[in-house]
Amino acid sequence: MVKFCPQCKNAFWGGQYCPKCEGEVLLLDMANQENRKYLPELNVDVRPKYFARSSMLLTCFGFIMALPVGAFVFLRGLSSSGNVTLWASIGVATVVGISWGAWVASKKIFDKQMASVKEAKELQLD
């Protein structure tokens, strides 16, 4: 669960108090409706994390699905013609094509989502 510090505006993955601020500054959970009023000022810090996560999931899904699809193409073609070299190259090209396509698609989606995030933002190094 993502929590935010209203004082230093950093995001943390759980915890009750901010580990960076002096004293005991309570972290706010964005799942609570009453904490949504802080979202506009914290939005710049949060959105890139979620956009990157969705892009990573798309890339991972493409890489995972590429091998079974490539193997299916290879075995299906091999059973019909018996030309190992041809169908092995088509199977490898399928794996590379799907993996590369997923990577390019996730980059385009990430760039499109990040267009709404302002470039001048304070870095969060945690």
C-alpha atoms as a PDB file:
ATOM      1  CA  MET A   1       0.000   0.000   0.000  1.00  0.00           C
ATOM      2  CA  VAL A   2       1.403   3.374  -1.020  1.00  0.00           C
ATOM      3  CA  LYS A   3       1.524   6.034   1.677  1.00  0.00           C
ATOM      4  CA  PHE A   4       2.569   9.677   1.420  1.00  0.00           C
ATOM      5  CA  CYS A   5       4.155  12.143   3.754  1.00  0.00           C
ATOM      6  CA  PRO A   6       2.347  15.518   3.618  1.00  0.00           C
ATOM      7  CA  GLN A   7       5.465  17.319   4.860  1.00  0.00           C
ATOM      8  CA  CYS A   8       8.249  16.068   2.532  1.00  0.00           C
ATOM      9  CA  LYS A   9       5.846  14.802  -0.183  1.00  0.00           C
ATOM     10  CA  ASN A  10       7.656  11.486  -0.587  1.00  0.00           C
ATOM     11  CA  ALA A  11       5.922   8.172  -1.237  1.00  0.00           C
ATOM     12  CA  PHE A  12       6.617   5.063   0.816  1.00  0.00           C
ATOM     13  CA  TRP A  13       5.468   1.468   0.586  1.00  0.00           C
ATOM     14  CA  GLY A  14       3.797   1.062   3.952  1.00  0.00           C
ATOM     15  CA  GLY A  15       4.740   2.161   7.440  1.00  0.00           C
ATOM     16  CA  GLN A  16       3.044   4.480   9.897  1.00  0.00           C
ATOM     17  CA  TYR A  17       5.525   7.367  10.259  1.00  0.00           C
ATOM     18  CA  CYS A  18       7.739   9.111   7.715  1.00  0.00           C
ATOM     19  CA  PRO A  19      11.302   7.777   7.983  1.00  0.00           C
ATOM     20  CA  LYS A  20      12.808  10.943   6.453  1.00  0.00           C
ATOM     21  CA  CYS A  21      11.113  13.703   8.445  1.00  0.00           C
ATOM     22  CA  GLU A  22      12.070  14.771  11.962  1.00  0.00           C
ATOM     23  CA  GLY A  23       9.585  13.760  14.627  1.00  0.00           C
ATOM     24  CA  GLU A  24       6.633  11.489  14.077  1.00  0.00           C
ATOM     25  CA  VAL A  25       4.906  12.679  10.901  1.00  0.00           C
ATOM     26  CA  LEU A  26       2.021  10.348  10.085  1.00  0.00           C
ATOM     27  CA  LEU A  27       1.945   8.903   6.601  1.00  0.00           C
ATOM     28  CA  LEU A  28      -1.312   9.263   4.675  1.00  0.00           C
ATOM     29  CA  ASP A  29      -2.901   6.369   2.818  1.00  0.00           C
ATOM     30  CA  MET A  30      -4.249   7.425  -0.568  1.00  0.00           C
ATOM     31  CA  ALA A  31      -6.855   4.663  -0.443  1.00  0.00           C
ATOM     32  CA  ASN A  32      -8.764   6.717   2.144  1.00  0.00           C
ATOM     33  CA  GLN A  33     -11.210   9.175   0.628  1.00  0.00           C
ATOM     34  CA  GLU A  34     -10.377  11.983   3.079  1.00  0.00           C
ATOM     35  CA  ASN A  35      -6.727  11.971   1.943  1.00  0.00           C
ATOM     36  CA  ARG A  36      -7.638  12.572  -1.712  1.00  0.00           C
ATOM     37  CA  LYS A  37      -7.406  16.343  -1.194  1.00  0.00           C
ATOM     38  CA  TYR A  38      -3.587  15.995  -1.068  1.00  0.00           C
ATOM     39  CA  LEU A  39      -3.487  14.159  -4.395  1.00  0.00           C
ATOM     40  CA  PRO A  40      -2.994  17.198  -6.709  1.00  0.00           C
ATOM     41  CA  GLU A  41       0.233  18.237  -5.006  1.00  0.00           C
ATOM     42  CA  LEU A  42       1.518  14.639  -4.776  1.00  0.00           C
ATOM     43  CA  ASN A  43       0.408  13.595  -8.249  1.00  0.00           C
ATOM     44  CA  VAL A  44       3.674  14.516  -9.946  1.00  0.00           C
ATOM     45  CA  ASP A  45       5.543  12.058  -7.746  1.00  0.00           C
ATOM     46  CA  VAL A  46       3.082   9.166  -7.949  1.00  0.00           C
ATOM     47  CA  ARG A  47       2.069   8.917 -11.582  1.00  0.00           C
ATOM     48  CA  PRO A  48       5.493   7.968 -13.014  1.00  0.00           C
ATOM     49  CA  LYS A  49       5.664   5.009 -10.630  1.00  0.00           C
ATOM     50  CA  TYR A  50       2.315   3.632 -11.742  1.00  0.00           C
ATOM     51  CA  PHE A  51       2.993   4.349 -15.415  1.00  0.00           C
ATOM     52  CA  ALA A  52       6.324   2.533 -15.198  1.00  0.00           C
ATOM     53  CA  ARG A  53       4.682  -0.421 -13.476  1.00  0.00           C
ATOM     54  CA  SER A  54       2.017  -0.769 -16.177  1.00  0.00           C
ATOM     55  CA  SER A  55       4.691  -0.594 -18.888  1.00  0.00           C
ATOM     56  CA  MET A  56       6.781  -3.227 -17.131  1.00  0.00           C
ATOM     57  CA  LEU A  57       3.787  -5.536 -16.878  1.00  0.00           C
ATOM     58  CA  LEU A  58       3.059  -5.190 -20.590  1.00  0.00           C
ATOM     59  CA  THR A  59       6.696  -5.893 -21.473  1.00  0.00           C
ATOM     60  CA  CYS A  60       6.830  -8.895 -19.144  1.00  0.00           C
ATOM     61  CA  PHE A  61       3.596 -10.284 -20.591  1.00  0.00           C
ATOM     62  CA  GLY A  62       4.991  -9.945 -24.113  1.00  0.00           C
ATOM     63  CA  PHE A  63       8.232 -11.695 -23.200  1.00  0.00           C
ATOM     64  CA  ILE A  64       6.409 -14.515 -21.415  1.00  0.00           C
ATOM     65  CA  MET A  65       3.902 -15.093 -24.218  1.00  0.00           C
ATOM     66  CA  ALA A  66       6.484 -14.879 -27.029  1.00  0.00           C
ATOM     67  CA  LEU A  67       8.114 -18.238 -26.309  1.00  0.00           C
ATOM     68  CA  PRO A  68       4.935 -20.379 -26.288  1.00  0.00           C
ATOM     69  CA  VAL A  69       3.636 -18.695 -29.443  1.00  0.00           C
ATOM     70  CA  GLY A  70       6.990 -19.156 -31.192  1.00  0.00           C
ATOM     71  CA  ALA A  71       7.125 -22.799 -30.105  1.00  0.00           C
ATOM     72  CA  PHE A  72       3.581 -23.340 -31.356  1.00  0.00           C
ATOM     73  CA  VAL A  73       4.433 -21.832 -34.760  1.00  0.00           C
ATOM     74  CA  PHE A  74       7.561 -23.992 -34.985  1.00  0.00           C
ATOM     75  CA  LEU A  75       5.814 -27.247 -34.040  1.00  0.00           C
ATOM     76  CA  ARG A  76       2.763 -26.546 -36.190  1.00  0.00           C
ATOM     77  CA  GLY A  77       4.874 -25.773 -39.247  1.00  0.00           C
ATOM     78  CA  LEU A  78       7.217 -28.686 -38.593  1.00  0.00           C
ATOM     79  CA  SER A  79       4.320 -31.122 -38.438  1.00  0.00           C
ATOM     80  CA  SER A  80       2.972 -29.971 -41.797  1.00  0.00           C
ATOM     81  CA  SER A  81       6.152 -29.699 -43.895  1.00  0.00           C
ATOM     82  CA  GLY A  82       9.107 -31.147 -41.987  1.00  0.00           C
ATOM     83  CA  ASN A  83      11.487 -28.309 -42.981  1.00  0.00           C
ATOM     84  CA  VAL A  84      13.283 -27.754 -39.665  1.00  0.00           C
ATOM     85  CA  THR A  85      15.443 -24.826 -40.748  1.00  0.00           C
ATOM     86  CA  LEU A  86      12.565 -22.849 -42.197  1.00  0.00           C
ATOM     87  CA  TRP A  87      10.216 -23.328 -39.277  1.00  0.00           C
ATOM     88  CA  ALA A  88      12.948 -22.818 -36.673  1.00  0.00           C
ATOM     89  CA  SER A  89      13.792 -19.449 -38.229  1.00  0.00           C
ATOM     90  CA  ILE A  90      10.101 -18.502 -38.421  1.00  0.00           C
ATOM     91  CA  GLY A  91       9.620 -19.566 -34.769  1.00  0.00           C
ATOM     92  CA  VAL A  92      12.628 -17.534 -33.606  1.00  0.00           C
ATOM     93  CA  ALA A  93      11.459 -14.560 -35.667  1.00  0.00           C
ATOM     94  CA  THR A  94       8.033 -14.867 -34.003  1.00  0.00           C
ATOM     95  CA  VAL A  95       9.591 -14.843 -30.516  1.00  0.00           C
ATOM     96  CA  VAL A  96      11.781 -11.850 -31.345  1.00  0.00           C
ATOM     97  CA  GLY A  97       8.929 -10.016 -33.063  1.00  0.00           C
ATOM     98  CA  ILE A  98       6.473 -10.418 -30.209  1.00  0.00           C
ATOM     99  CA  SER A  99       9.084  -9.490 -27.581  1.00  0.00           C
ATOM    100  CA  TRP A 100      10.230  -6.439 -29.528  1.00  0.00           C
ATOM    101  CA  GLY A 101       6.640  -5.425 -30.269  1.00  0.00           C
ATOM    102  CA  ALA A 102       5.688  -5.622 -26.592  1.00  0.00           C
ATOM    103  CA  TRP A 103       8.727  -3.569 -25.654  1.00  0.00           C
ATOM    104  CA  VAL A 104       7.991  -0.875 -28.263  1.00  0.00           C
ATOM    105  CA  ALA A 105       4.290  -0.785 -27.335  1.00  0.00           C
ATOM    106  CA  SER A 106       5.056  -0.396 -23.627  1.00  0.00           C
ATOM    107  CA  LYS A 107       7.502   2.433 -24.355  1.00  0.00           C
ATOM    108  CA  LYS A 108       4.932   4.248 -26.485  1.00  0.00           C
ATOM    109  CA  ILE A 109       2.247   3.822 -23.828  1.00  0.00           C
ATOM    110  CA  PHE A 110       4.632   5.048 -21.108  1.00  0.00           C
ATOM    111  CA  ASP A 111       5.653   8.091 -23.153  1.00  0.00           C
ATOM    112  CA  LYS A 112       2.020   8.927 -23.898  1.00  0.00           C
ATOM    113  CA  GLN A 113       1.086   8.672 -20.219  1.00  0.00           C
ATOM    114  CA  MET A 114       4.098  10.713 -19.132  1.00  0.00           C
ATOM    115  CA  ALA A 115       3.150  13.564 -21.469  1.00  0.00           C
ATOM    116  CA  SER A 116       0.790  14.829 -18.761  1.00  0.00           C
ATOM    117  CA  VAL A 117       3.542  14.899 -16.093  1.00  0.00           C
ATOM    118  CA  LYS A 118       5.459  18.148 -15.776  1.00  0.00           C
ATOM    119  CA  GLU A 119       9.165  17.899 -16.580  1.00  0.00           C
ATOM    120  CA  ALA A 120      10.257  20.164 -13.716  1.00  0.00           C
ATOM    121  CA  LYS A 121       9.727  17.976 -10.684  1.00  0.00           C
ATOM    122  CA  GLU A 122      11.588  17.299  -7.505  1.00  0.00           C
ATOM    123  CA  LEU A 123      13.432  13.985  -7.608  1.00  0.00           C
ATOM    124  CA  GLN A 124      12.562  11.375  -5.026  1.00  0.00           C
ATOM    125  CA  LEU A 125      15.601   9.301  -4.147  1.00  0.00           C
ATOM    126  CA  ASP A 126      14.440   6.561  -1.808  1.00  0.00           C
END
